[in-house]
Protein backbone atom coordinates (compact mmCIF):
# COMPACT_ATOMS: atom_id res chain seq x y z
CA MET A 1 36.81 63.46 3.69
CA LYS A 2 37.14 61.90 0.22
CA LEU A 3 40.89 62.51 0.14
CA GLY A 4 41.64 61.16 3.62
CA SER A 5 42.33 57.58 2.63
CA ALA A 6 44.18 58.46 -0.55
CA LEU A 7 46.48 60.93 1.15
CA ALA A 8 47.16 58.51 3.99
CA LEU A 9 48.17 55.82 1.51
CA SER A 10 50.30 58.23 -0.46
CA GLY A 11 52.51 58.58 2.58
CA LEU A 12 53.36 54.88 2.22
CA LEU A 13 54.74 55.31 -1.26
CA VAL A 14 58.24 56.12 -0.11
CA ILE A 15 60.49 53.95 -2.24
CA GLY A 16 61.89 51.10 -0.16
CA THR A 17 62.02 47.60 -1.63
CA VAL A 18 59.76 45.95 -4.10
CA ALA A 19 59.30 43.13 -1.58
CA HIS A 20 56.55 45.26 0.05
CA PRO A 21 53.71 45.47 -2.45
CA LEU A 22 51.07 48.20 -2.29
CA ASN A 23 47.76 46.36 -2.04
CA VAL A 24 45.62 49.16 -3.44
CA LYS A 25 43.55 48.71 -6.59
CA ARG A 26 44.15 51.37 -9.19
CA ALA A 27 41.99 52.26 -12.14
CA VAL A 28 44.84 51.99 -14.66
CA THR A 29 47.44 49.18 -14.90
CA THR A 30 50.04 48.50 -17.52
CA GLU A 31 50.93 45.01 -18.73
CA VAL A 32 54.71 44.73 -18.93
CA VAL A 33 57.06 41.83 -19.78
CA PHE A 34 60.60 42.30 -18.56
CA VAL A 35 63.74 40.71 -20.03
CA THR A 36 66.19 39.71 -17.36
CA GLU A 37 69.66 40.83 -18.44
CA THR A 38 72.68 41.82 -16.45
CA VAL A 39 74.85 44.52 -17.93
CA ALA A 40 77.64 46.66 -16.64
CA GLU A 41 77.83 50.38 -16.78
CA ALA A 42 81.37 51.69 -17.20
CA VAL A 43 82.42 55.06 -15.86
CA VAL A 44 85.75 56.51 -17.10
CA TYR A 45 87.21 59.55 -15.39
CA VAL A 46 89.61 61.69 -17.47
CA ASP A 47 91.72 64.70 -16.69
CA GLU A 48 91.62 68.08 -18.41
CA ASN A 49 93.86 66.74 -21.20
CA GLY A 50 91.54 63.81 -21.89
CA ALA A 51 93.88 61.22 -20.40
CA PRO A 52 92.02 58.54 -18.41
CA TYR A 53 93.08 58.20 -14.82
CA LEU A 54 90.32 55.99 -13.32
CA THR A 55 87.86 53.40 -14.66
CA SER A 56 85.03 51.78 -12.64
CA THR A 57 82.04 49.60 -13.41
CA VAL A 58 78.67 49.39 -11.70
CA GLU A 59 76.59 46.29 -12.32
CA ARG A 60 72.87 46.79 -12.88
CA VAL A 61 70.40 44.71 -10.96
CA PRO A 62 68.23 42.34 -13.03
CA SER A 63 64.68 43.57 -13.50
CA VAL A 64 61.90 41.81 -11.68
CA PRO A 65 59.19 40.25 -13.86
CA SER A 66 55.65 41.22 -12.94
CA THR A 67 52.22 40.91 -14.49
CA SER A 68 51.24 44.48 -13.63
CA VAL A 69 52.89 47.71 -12.74
CA GLU A 70 51.33 50.32 -10.45
CA PRO A 71 52.42 53.93 -10.81
CA THR A 72 53.40 55.70 -7.63
CA SER A 73 53.54 59.42 -8.31
CA VAL A 74 54.90 62.14 -10.53
CA ALA A 75 57.91 62.42 -8.27
CA SER A 76 58.61 58.67 -8.19
CA SER A 77 58.52 56.21 -11.11
CA ALA A 78 59.86 53.14 -9.28
CA VAL A 79 58.06 49.88 -10.08
CA VAL A 80 55.81 48.59 -7.29
CA PRO A 81 54.22 45.21 -8.15
CA THR A 82 50.71 44.42 -7.01
CA SER A 83 51.72 41.03 -5.61
CA ALA A 84 54.94 39.82 -4.01
CA PRO A 85 57.20 37.55 -6.16
CA ALA A 86 58.07 34.07 -5.04
CA GLU A 87 61.59 35.11 -4.13
CA SER A 88 62.58 38.38 -2.53
CA PRO A 89 64.17 40.56 -5.22
CA GLN A 90 67.11 42.86 -4.74
CA PRO A 91 66.41 46.38 -3.50
CA VAL A 92 66.19 49.17 -6.04
CA PRO A 93 69.71 50.67 -6.14
CA ALA A 94 70.56 54.31 -5.94
CA PRO A 95 72.27 55.85 -8.96
CA PRO A 96 76.10 55.59 -8.90
CA PRO A 97 77.55 58.40 -6.84
CA SER A 98 79.40 61.20 -8.54
CA PRO A 99 82.93 61.87 -7.34
CA SER A 100 83.14 64.51 -4.67
CA SER A 101 85.29 67.62 -4.82
CA SER A 102 87.85 65.89 -2.61
CA ASP A 103 88.26 63.02 -5.10
CA VAL A 104 88.38 64.92 -8.40
CA PRO A 105 89.85 68.35 -9.13
CA SER A 106 87.31 70.99 -10.09
CA SER A 107 88.79 71.20 -13.62
CA PHE A 108 88.19 67.54 -14.32
CA VAL A 109 85.29 66.37 -16.52
CA VAL A 110 83.32 63.20 -15.77
CA ALA A 111 82.37 61.19 -18.88
CA ASN A 112 79.86 58.33 -18.80
CA VAL A 113 80.37 55.51 -21.28
CA GLU A 114 76.98 54.07 -22.30
CA PRO A 115 76.81 50.24 -22.38
CA THR A 116 76.13 48.48 -25.64
CA SER A 117 72.87 47.04 -24.36
CA SER A 118 70.44 47.90 -21.60
CA ALA A 119 67.53 46.41 -19.74
CA VAL A 120 64.01 46.94 -21.05
CA LEU A 121 62.48 49.89 -19.20
CA PRO A 122 58.75 50.14 -18.45
CA PRO A 123 56.74 52.81 -20.24
CA PRO A 124 55.98 56.02 -18.36
CA ALA A 125 53.43 55.66 -15.61
CA PRO A 126 49.87 56.93 -16.17
CA LYS A 127 49.05 60.34 -14.75
CA PRO A 128 48.14 60.04 -11.09
CA THR A 129 45.03 61.55 -9.55
CA PHE A 130 46.92 62.73 -6.50
CA VAL A 131 50.36 64.08 -5.68
CA ALA A 132 52.48 61.70 -3.62
CA PRO A 133 55.14 62.93 -1.19
CA GLU A 134 58.71 63.34 -2.38
CA PRO A 135 60.82 60.17 -2.00
CA THR A 136 63.34 60.08 0.81
CA SER A 137 67.07 60.26 0.26
CA ALA A 138 67.39 56.62 1.34
CA ALA A 139 65.83 55.40 -1.88
CA PRO A 140 65.73 58.04 -4.62
CA ALA A 141 63.78 57.21 -7.76
CA PRO A 142 65.74 56.48 -10.98
CA ALA A 143 65.92 59.42 -13.33
CA PRO A 144 63.49 59.27 -16.28
CA THR A 145 64.99 58.21 -19.59
CA SER A 146 63.70 61.35 -21.33
CA GLU A 147 61.62 64.45 -20.67
CA ALA A 148 58.90 63.12 -22.94
CA GLN A 149 58.29 60.26 -20.51
CA VAL A 150 57.59 62.58 -17.56
CA PRO A 151 53.82 62.91 -17.18
CA ALA A 152 52.60 66.44 -16.58
CA PRO A 153 51.24 66.89 -13.04
CA GLU A 154 47.49 67.31 -12.72
CA PRO A 155 45.51 69.15 -10.04
CA SER A 156 44.63 67.10 -7.01
CA VAL A 157 41.08 65.94 -6.37
CA GLN A 158 40.72 68.49 -3.60
CA ALA A 159 41.60 71.34 -5.92
CA GLN A 160 39.01 70.18 -8.45
CA GLU A 161 36.09 70.13 -6.00
CA ALA A 162 33.60 72.95 -6.50
CA PRO A 163 33.01 75.31 -3.59
CA ALA A 164 29.90 74.76 -1.57
CA SER A 165 26.91 76.61 -2.86
CA GLN A 166 25.63 79.51 -0.78
CA PRO A 167 22.11 79.69 0.34
CA SER A 168 19.85 82.23 -1.52
CA THR A 169 17.16 84.42 -0.01
CA SER A 170 14.48 83.08 -2.34
CA SER A 171 13.99 80.95 -5.41
CA SER A 172 11.26 79.93 -7.80
CA ASP A 173 10.06 77.54 -5.07
CA SER A 174 9.92 80.11 -2.27
CA PHE A 175 8.89 83.68 -1.56
CA PRO A 176 11.39 86.24 -0.25
CA LEU A 177 11.13 87.43 3.33
CA GLY A 178 7.96 89.53 3.50
CA ILE A 179 6.03 91.88 5.75
CA THR A 180 2.33 92.45 6.46
CA TYR A 181 0.45 95.73 5.93
CA ASP A 182 -2.94 97.27 6.64
CA PRO A 183 -4.19 100.71 5.42
CA TYR A 184 -5.86 101.91 8.63
CA LYS A 185 -5.07 104.75 11.01
CA GLY A 186 -6.72 106.31 14.03
CA THR A 187 -7.74 104.83 17.36
CA THR A 188 -10.04 102.07 18.53
CA ASN A 189 -13.06 104.38 18.56
CA ASN A 190 -12.04 106.41 15.53
CA VAL A 191 -10.78 104.18 12.72
CA ASP A 192 -9.99 105.84 9.41
CA CYS A 193 -8.33 104.96 6.11
CA LYS A 194 -4.89 106.18 5.09
CA THR A 195 -4.79 108.32 2.00
CA THR A 196 -3.35 107.20 -1.32
CA ASP A 197 -0.20 109.21 -0.66
CA GLU A 198 0.15 107.77 2.84
CA ILE A 199 -0.16 104.20 1.55
CA ALA A 200 2.41 104.90 -1.17
CA ALA A 201 4.75 106.40 1.47
CA ASP A 202 4.32 103.31 3.65
CA PHE A 203 5.33 101.09 0.72
CA ASP A 204 8.47 103.17 0.28
CA THR A 205 9.27 102.50 3.95
CA MET A 206 8.74 98.75 3.35
CA LYS A 207 10.78 98.60 0.13
CA ASP A 208 13.50 96.40 1.67
CA TYR A 209 11.02 93.52 1.85
CA GLY A 210 10.59 91.52 -1.33
CA ILE A 211 6.88 90.83 -0.83
CA VAL A 212 4.07 92.61 1.05
CA ARG A 213 0.93 90.93 2.36
CA ILE A 214 -2.37 92.86 2.18
CA TYR A 215 -5.59 91.46 3.66
CA GLY A 216 -8.30 92.68 1.29
CA ASN A 217 -9.50 95.77 -0.56
CA ASP A 218 -10.45 98.05 2.30
CA CYS A 219 -9.65 101.74 1.72
CA GLY A 220 -9.29 100.98 -2.00
CA GLN A 221 -5.74 99.79 -1.30
CA ILE A 222 -5.35 97.19 -4.10
CA PRO A 223 -4.57 99.53 -7.04
CA VAL A 224 -2.35 101.72 -4.82
CA ALA A 225 -0.49 98.65 -3.55
CA VAL A 226 0.02 97.26 -7.07
CA ARG A 227 1.36 100.58 -8.33
CA ALA A 228 3.67 101.06 -5.30
CA ALA A 229 4.94 97.47 -5.40
CA LYS A 230 5.75 97.78 -9.10
CA LYS A 231 7.67 101.00 -8.42
CA ASN A 232 9.72 99.34 -5.66
CA GLY A 233 10.30 96.02 -7.46
CA GLN A 234 8.18 94.13 -4.92
CA LYS A 235 5.54 91.39 -5.12
CA LEU A 236 2.18 91.21 -3.35
CA MET A 237 0.28 88.58 -1.43
CA GLY A 238 -3.31 89.48 -2.23
CA GLY A 239 -6.14 88.93 0.23
CA ILE A 240 -9.90 88.35 0.20
CA TYR A 241 -11.24 88.93 3.70
CA ALA A 242 -14.11 86.45 3.51
CA PRO A 243 -16.80 86.18 4.68
CA LEU A 244 -16.88 89.96 5.19
CA GLN A 245 -15.70 90.68 1.62
CA ASP A 246 -17.25 89.27 -1.54
CA VAL A 247 -14.91 86.97 -3.44
CA ASP A 248 -15.91 88.05 -6.94
CA SER A 249 -15.68 91.76 -6.08
CA VAL A 250 -12.12 91.47 -4.74
CA VAL A 251 -11.02 89.31 -7.68
CA SER A 252 -12.41 91.96 -10.01
CA ALA A 253 -10.47 94.69 -8.13
CA LEU A 254 -7.26 92.65 -8.41
CA SER A 255 -7.83 92.07 -12.12
CA ASP A 256 -8.48 95.75 -12.80
CA ALA A 257 -5.40 96.84 -10.86
CA VAL A 258 -3.18 94.37 -12.74
CA LYS A 259 -4.52 95.65 -16.07
CA GLN A 260 -4.23 99.33 -15.20
CA GLN A 261 -1.02 99.33 -13.12
CA ASN A 262 1.00 96.37 -14.41
CA GLY A 263 0.20 96.05 -18.10
CA GLY A 264 -2.18 93.15 -17.53
CA SER A 265 0.53 90.87 -16.07
CA TRP A 266 -0.35 88.93 -12.93
CA ASP A 267 3.33 88.35 -12.12
CA ILE A 268 3.19 91.04 -9.44
CA ILE A 269 0.73 88.91 -7.40
CA SER A 270 2.54 85.87 -5.94
CA LEU A 271 -0.35 84.26 -4.04
CA VAL A 272 -3.84 85.03 -2.76
CA SER A 273 -5.50 84.15 0.57
CA VAL A 274 -9.27 83.93 1.03
CA GLU A 275 -9.69 84.40 4.80
CA ASN A 276 -7.64 85.02 7.94
CA GLU A 277 -8.16 82.85 11.05
CA ARG A 278 -11.93 82.73 10.56
CA VAL A 279 -12.07 78.96 11.21
CA ASN A 280 -10.01 79.42 14.37
CA ALA A 281 -12.45 82.16 15.50
CA LYS A 282 -15.47 79.93 14.72
CA ALA A 283 -16.68 82.54 12.21
CA MET A 284 -16.40 79.94 9.42
CA THR A 285 -16.48 76.18 9.33
CA ALA A 286 -13.68 74.21 7.70
CA SER A 287 -16.15 73.27 4.97
CA ASP A 288 -16.95 76.96 4.39
CA ALA A 289 -13.23 77.74 4.07
CA GLN A 290 -12.73 74.94 1.54
CA SER A 291 -15.69 76.13 -0.54
CA THR A 292 -14.33 79.69 -0.47
CA ILE A 293 -10.92 78.47 -1.66
CA ASP A 294 -12.53 76.66 -4.59
CA GLN A 295 -14.69 79.67 -5.48
CA ALA A 296 -11.76 82.11 -5.36
CA ARG A 297 -9.45 79.82 -7.32
CA SER A 298 -12.03 79.46 -10.10
CA ALA A 299 -12.63 83.21 -10.29
CA LEU A 300 -8.90 83.97 -10.27
CA ARG A 301 -8.16 81.40 -12.96
CA ASN A 302 -10.85 82.93 -15.16
CA ALA A 303 -9.25 86.35 -14.61
CA GLY A 304 -5.83 85.05 -15.63
CA PHE A 305 -4.14 84.38 -12.28
CA ASN A 306 -2.53 80.92 -12.05
CA GLY A 307 -0.68 81.25 -8.74
CA PRO A 308 -1.42 79.52 -5.42
CA VAL A 309 -4.65 80.14 -3.49
CA GLY A 310 -5.32 79.12 0.12
CA ALA A 311 -6.88 79.88 3.50
CA VAL A 312 -4.84 81.39 6.35
CA GLU A 313 -5.33 79.69 9.71
CA THR A 314 -3.64 79.08 13.05
CA VAL A 315 -1.63 75.93 13.75
CA PRO A 316 -4.38 74.26 15.86
CA ALA A 317 -7.05 75.04 13.25
CA VAL A 318 -4.94 73.55 10.45
CA ILE A 319 -4.04 70.41 12.39
CA ASP A 320 -7.65 69.88 13.51
CA ASN A 321 -9.02 70.51 10.00
CA PRO A 322 -6.70 68.79 7.49
CA GLY A 323 -9.23 69.41 4.71
CA VAL A 324 -8.29 73.11 4.79
CA CYS A 325 -4.64 72.41 4.02
CA SER A 326 -5.48 69.75 1.43
CA THR A 327 -7.77 72.16 -0.45
CA SER A 328 -5.21 75.01 -0.29
CA ASP A 329 -2.47 75.08 -2.92
CA LEU A 330 -0.04 76.01 -0.14
CA VAL A 331 -0.49 75.67 3.61
CA LEU A 332 -0.83 79.25 4.91
CA VAL A 333 -0.50 79.63 8.67
CA ASN A 334 0.02 82.40 11.24
CA ILE A 335 2.53 81.45 13.98
CA HIS A 336 3.28 83.73 16.95
CA ALA A 337 5.69 82.53 19.63
CA TRP A 338 4.48 85.40 21.86
CA PHE A 339 1.38 83.45 22.85
CA ASP A 340 3.42 80.54 24.20
CA PRO A 341 4.27 81.43 27.85
CA ASN A 342 7.23 79.04 27.86
CA THR A 343 9.09 80.67 24.94
CA LYS A 344 11.52 83.55 25.39
CA ALA A 345 11.89 86.18 22.69
CA ALA A 346 15.36 84.90 21.81
CA ASP A 347 13.83 81.47 21.05
CA ALA A 348 11.00 82.71 18.84
CA GLY A 349 12.58 81.47 15.61
CA LYS A 350 13.06 77.94 16.95
CA PHE A 351 9.46 77.90 18.16
CA VAL A 352 8.15 78.93 14.73
CA LYS A 353 10.37 76.33 13.06
CA GLY A 354 8.97 73.62 15.30
CA GLU A 355 5.38 74.63 14.59
CA VAL A 356 6.05 74.54 10.84
CA ALA A 357 7.27 70.96 11.25
CA ARG A 358 4.05 70.02 13.06
CA VAL A 359 1.93 71.54 10.31
CA GLN A 360 3.90 69.82 7.56
CA LYS A 361 3.44 66.48 9.25
CA ALA A 362 -0.32 67.05 9.54
CA CYS A 363 -0.58 68.19 5.92
CA GLY A 364 1.37 65.44 4.21
CA ASN A 365 4.63 67.44 3.91
CA LYS A 366 2.95 70.10 1.77
CA ARG A 367 4.88 73.37 1.51
CA VAL A 368 4.12 75.74 4.39
CA VAL A 369 4.22 79.56 4.20
CA VAL A 370 4.19 81.46 7.51
CA THR A 371 1.89 84.39 6.76
CA GLU A 372 2.38 86.17 10.14
CA SER A 373 5.15 85.94 12.73
CA GLY A 374 6.46 88.62 15.07
CA TRP A 375 6.67 89.90 18.66
CA PRO A 376 5.12 92.95 20.39
CA HIS A 377 7.26 95.74 21.82
CA GLN A 378 4.64 96.63 24.43
CA GLY A 379 1.99 94.73 26.39
CA ASP A 380 1.51 92.50 29.43
CA SER A 381 4.39 90.06 29.84
CA HIS A 382 3.38 86.53 30.78
CA ASP A 383 5.84 83.99 32.16
CA GLN A 384 8.79 83.72 29.73
CA ALA A 385 7.13 85.93 27.09
CA VAL A 386 8.25 89.50 27.79
CA ALA A 387 6.97 92.47 25.77
CA SER A 388 9.56 95.22 25.30
CA PRO A 389 11.52 96.90 22.48
CA ASP A 390 14.59 94.81 23.32
CA ALA A 391 12.54 91.62 23.40
CA GLN A 392 11.04 92.45 20.00
CA LYS A 393 14.51 92.95 18.52
CA ALA A 394 15.66 89.63 19.98
CA ALA A 395 12.61 87.81 18.64
CA LEU A 396 12.94 89.25 15.14
CA ALA A 397 16.65 88.35 15.06
CA SER A 398 15.78 84.81 16.12
CA ILE A 399 13.10 84.48 13.44
CA ARG A 400 15.42 85.85 10.75
CA ALA A 401 18.09 83.37 11.81
CA GLU A 402 15.71 80.50 11.05
CA PHE A 403 13.90 81.91 7.99
CA ASN A 404 15.01 83.90 4.98
CA SER A 405 12.02 82.99 2.81
CA ASP A 406 8.38 81.81 2.97
CA LEU A 407 7.66 83.98 6.02
CA PHE A 408 5.95 87.36 6.53
CA LEU A 409 6.99 89.43 9.53
CA PHE A 410 4.09 90.91 11.49
CA SER A 411 3.61 93.80 11.25
CA SER A 412 4.96 96.81 9.39
CA PHE A 413 3.45 99.49 11.68
CA ASP A 414 1.62 99.65 15.00
CA SER A 415 -2.17 99.22 14.72
CA LEU A 416 -3.53 101.70 17.24
CA TRP A 417 -7.05 101.24 15.87
CA LYS A 418 -7.23 97.66 17.17
CA SER A 419 -8.89 96.59 20.42
CA ASP A 420 -7.50 94.28 23.11
CA ASP A 421 -8.88 91.53 25.30
CA PRO A 422 -7.29 89.22 27.87
CA SER A 423 -6.24 86.75 25.17
CA THR A 424 -3.99 89.35 23.48
CA PHE A 425 -2.23 90.46 26.71
CA ASN A 426 -2.86 94.13 25.80
CA ALA A 427 -0.27 93.86 23.04
CA GLU A 428 -2.49 93.82 19.95
CA LYS A 429 -1.69 97.42 19.03
CA TYR A 430 2.08 97.16 19.34
CA TRP A 431 3.48 94.69 16.84
CA GLY A 432 4.88 97.29 14.41
CA ILE A 433 8.55 96.86 13.49
CA LEU A 434 9.14 99.93 11.27
């Protein structure tokens, strides 16, 4: 786009007459004073013995005085004044023609006799910032007086422009695409904990995700998760499942795991949540959530963790309780397009994107991290929301198309231990994607 005008104008620089000025301002002009002087150039043709057989003269055209000279291009050094003179000057002449093969035998030599005086020639033009088209044969540019006066061509502006930067999957201001994890197994009536080896094996299955979200310290999962994440080069989103889990006890477990499994460095923990949809479920008030955030942040800071702390809620709970997002260091929200009957699986990503925009508006444009988003592969379809393996694949592709960071896919594995009710459309067990 930047070169459009310049290249269009460059097409006008075909050498015609100096009576048509180029009304374009240039960054560099050269002050020149011309001396008007008419001289003749004599051309003597001699035969192979040096005997002259023809003499002709070509009269040079007087130079045109001008207060400024604009360069045209590397290929053309003809003078184009910035303003038209009072009287129309003579056109720039073509160089005298050389005799053709029909006029002069091939063995003849053409000798040019230099005149005793010549007109003052302008200095070489400044280097242009673009390459103009070659002049037409109707008005060829005069040959330069010497090679030293020919400015070296420079790359065009287009060639100097840097290529567009490519988007990255994460940066210091965002978390890589993540996945959620819980350490339970069994059925609704027989819930059990996975073993240490099973948890470690699950982390190996999730190793393609840069960050894993855990919800608390059930089944003693924190030290196992820290060790497995370190092995796989992953980060963790820690969790305190308040009010069912004690804040100080979970902070202590996190601190111990960091010391024992990661050399005391908290860099393996990217952020910590203090509850999960408890305000939405009316199990906590917004004030309770804010107090829990403050308590956890203080305990974590004392333990050496300086990352973000916040409460995880649904979109309605965040919008209705702006104090929760203002107290949180980041706005943490679960968004599931599945529960909107008007959204197809293939449109899940756009739905989540729209909900993020609503939350940002309600929270003063604070950064939003989607802590759960997915689609079930089994359950009761409702209106446009269809539960099937194909629908899950379409939904995940749609979400990935809209997000490559600051989002956790839900969930790593099916949760057969969960229970269902009409609000979950019998799909609560079947959100696993691995």
